[in-house]
Amino acid sequence: MAPPIASSTVMKTMLVFTLMMVFLPIFSYFFSKSVIFEGFFGMVHQSSYFYAAVVAIAVVHIILGMFIYVAWNEDPRPYPQFKID
């Protein structure tokens, strides 16, 4: 009998990282563009677009790295031991 394909913890992990991949880069782009680069540093619109995109790309790479780390360190699924006579 084959082990189950996906458990609830794997699905929860995938859901969390999927939501992070959707919302965090978008939030970081607009937040860094308006608050950090235009508000705090006083940059013009053309420069703030570029730097905000760099921040969003960095956030995507951080999330991907976190996903790889979590997936790599996940406990291996124990397979049933079959009795051999």
Protein backbone atom coordinates (compact mmCIF):
# COMPACT_ATOMS: atom_id res chain seq x y z
CA MET A 1 0.00 0.00 0.00
CA ALA A 2 1.41 3.35 -1.01
CA PRO A 3 1.73 6.19 1.52
CA PRO A 4 -0.74 9.07 1.24
CA ILE A 5 0.26 11.71 -1.29
CA ALA A 6 -0.21 14.84 0.82
CA SER A 7 -0.80 15.39 4.49
CA SER A 8 -2.47 18.36 6.11
CA THR A 9 0.82 19.89 7.29
CA VAL A 10 2.23 19.86 3.77
CA MET A 11 -0.91 21.52 2.43
CA LYS A 12 -0.81 24.15 5.18
CA THR A 13 2.82 24.90 4.38
CA MET A 14 2.04 25.24 0.69
CA LEU A 15 -0.93 27.50 1.43
CA VAL A 16 1.12 29.78 3.68
CA PHE A 17 3.94 30.13 1.16
CA THR A 18 1.50 30.64 -1.72
CA LEU A 19 -0.21 33.47 0.12
CA MET A 20 3.16 34.96 0.99
CA MET A 21 4.22 34.80 -2.68
CA VAL A 22 1.05 36.59 -3.74
CA PHE A 23 0.76 39.32 -1.13
CA LEU A 24 4.21 40.14 0.26
CA PRO A 25 5.92 41.23 -2.99
CA ILE A 26 2.96 43.43 -3.94
CA PHE A 27 2.81 44.96 -0.46
CA SER A 28 6.57 45.49 -0.33
CA TYR A 29 6.56 47.14 -3.77
CA PHE A 30 3.92 49.73 -2.96
CA PHE A 31 5.06 50.27 0.63
CA SER A 32 8.70 50.79 -0.30
CA LYS A 33 7.81 52.97 -3.29
CA SER A 34 5.50 55.37 -1.48
CA VAL A 35 6.75 55.34 2.11
CA ILE A 36 10.46 54.59 1.92
CA PHE A 37 11.72 55.88 -1.42
CA GLU A 38 9.33 58.76 -2.16
CA GLY A 39 8.43 59.69 1.42
CA PHE A 40 11.62 59.14 3.40
CA PHE A 41 14.29 59.57 0.71
CA GLY A 42 12.34 62.07 -1.45
CA MET A 43 13.06 60.32 -4.76
CA VAL A 44 11.27 61.12 -8.00
CA HIS A 45 8.73 58.66 -9.43
CA GLN A 46 11.03 57.17 -12.08
CA SER A 47 13.73 56.20 -9.60
CA SER A 48 11.31 54.95 -6.96
CA TYR A 49 9.70 52.54 -9.46
CA PHE A 50 13.03 50.87 -10.11
CA TYR A 51 14.14 50.57 -6.49
CA ALA A 52 10.71 49.36 -5.36
CA ALA A 53 10.85 46.63 -8.01
CA VAL A 54 14.26 45.58 -6.72
CA VAL A 55 12.81 45.34 -3.20
CA ALA A 56 9.89 43.22 -4.46
CA ILE A 57 12.26 40.89 -6.33
CA ALA A 58 14.39 40.53 -3.20
CA VAL A 59 11.28 39.63 -1.19
CA VAL A 60 10.38 36.94 -3.75
CA HIS A 61 13.86 35.44 -3.47
CA ILE A 62 13.71 35.48 0.33
CA ILE A 63 10.34 33.68 0.28
CA LEU A 64 11.67 31.08 -2.18
CA GLY A 65 14.71 30.53 0.01
CA MET A 66 12.50 30.09 3.06
CA PHE A 67 10.34 27.59 1.19
CA ILE A 68 13.35 25.56 0.12
CA TYR A 69 14.70 25.59 3.68
CA VAL A 70 11.36 24.44 5.15
CA ALA A 71 10.92 21.76 2.49
CA TRP A 72 14.48 20.49 2.95
CA ASN A 73 14.18 20.26 6.74
CA GLU A 74 10.77 18.67 6.73
CA ASP A 75 10.58 15.40 8.61
CA PRO A 76 10.77 12.45 6.25
CA ARG A 77 7.63 10.39 6.06
CA PRO A 78 8.08 7.03 7.76
CA TYR A 79 7.36 4.12 5.48
CA PRO A 80 5.79 0.99 6.93
CA GLN A 81 8.13 -1.88 7.64
CA PHE A 82 7.08 -5.08 5.92
CA LYS A 83 7.67 -8.35 7.65
CA ILE A 84 9.92 -10.69 5.70
CA ASP A 85 9.72 -14.38 6.62
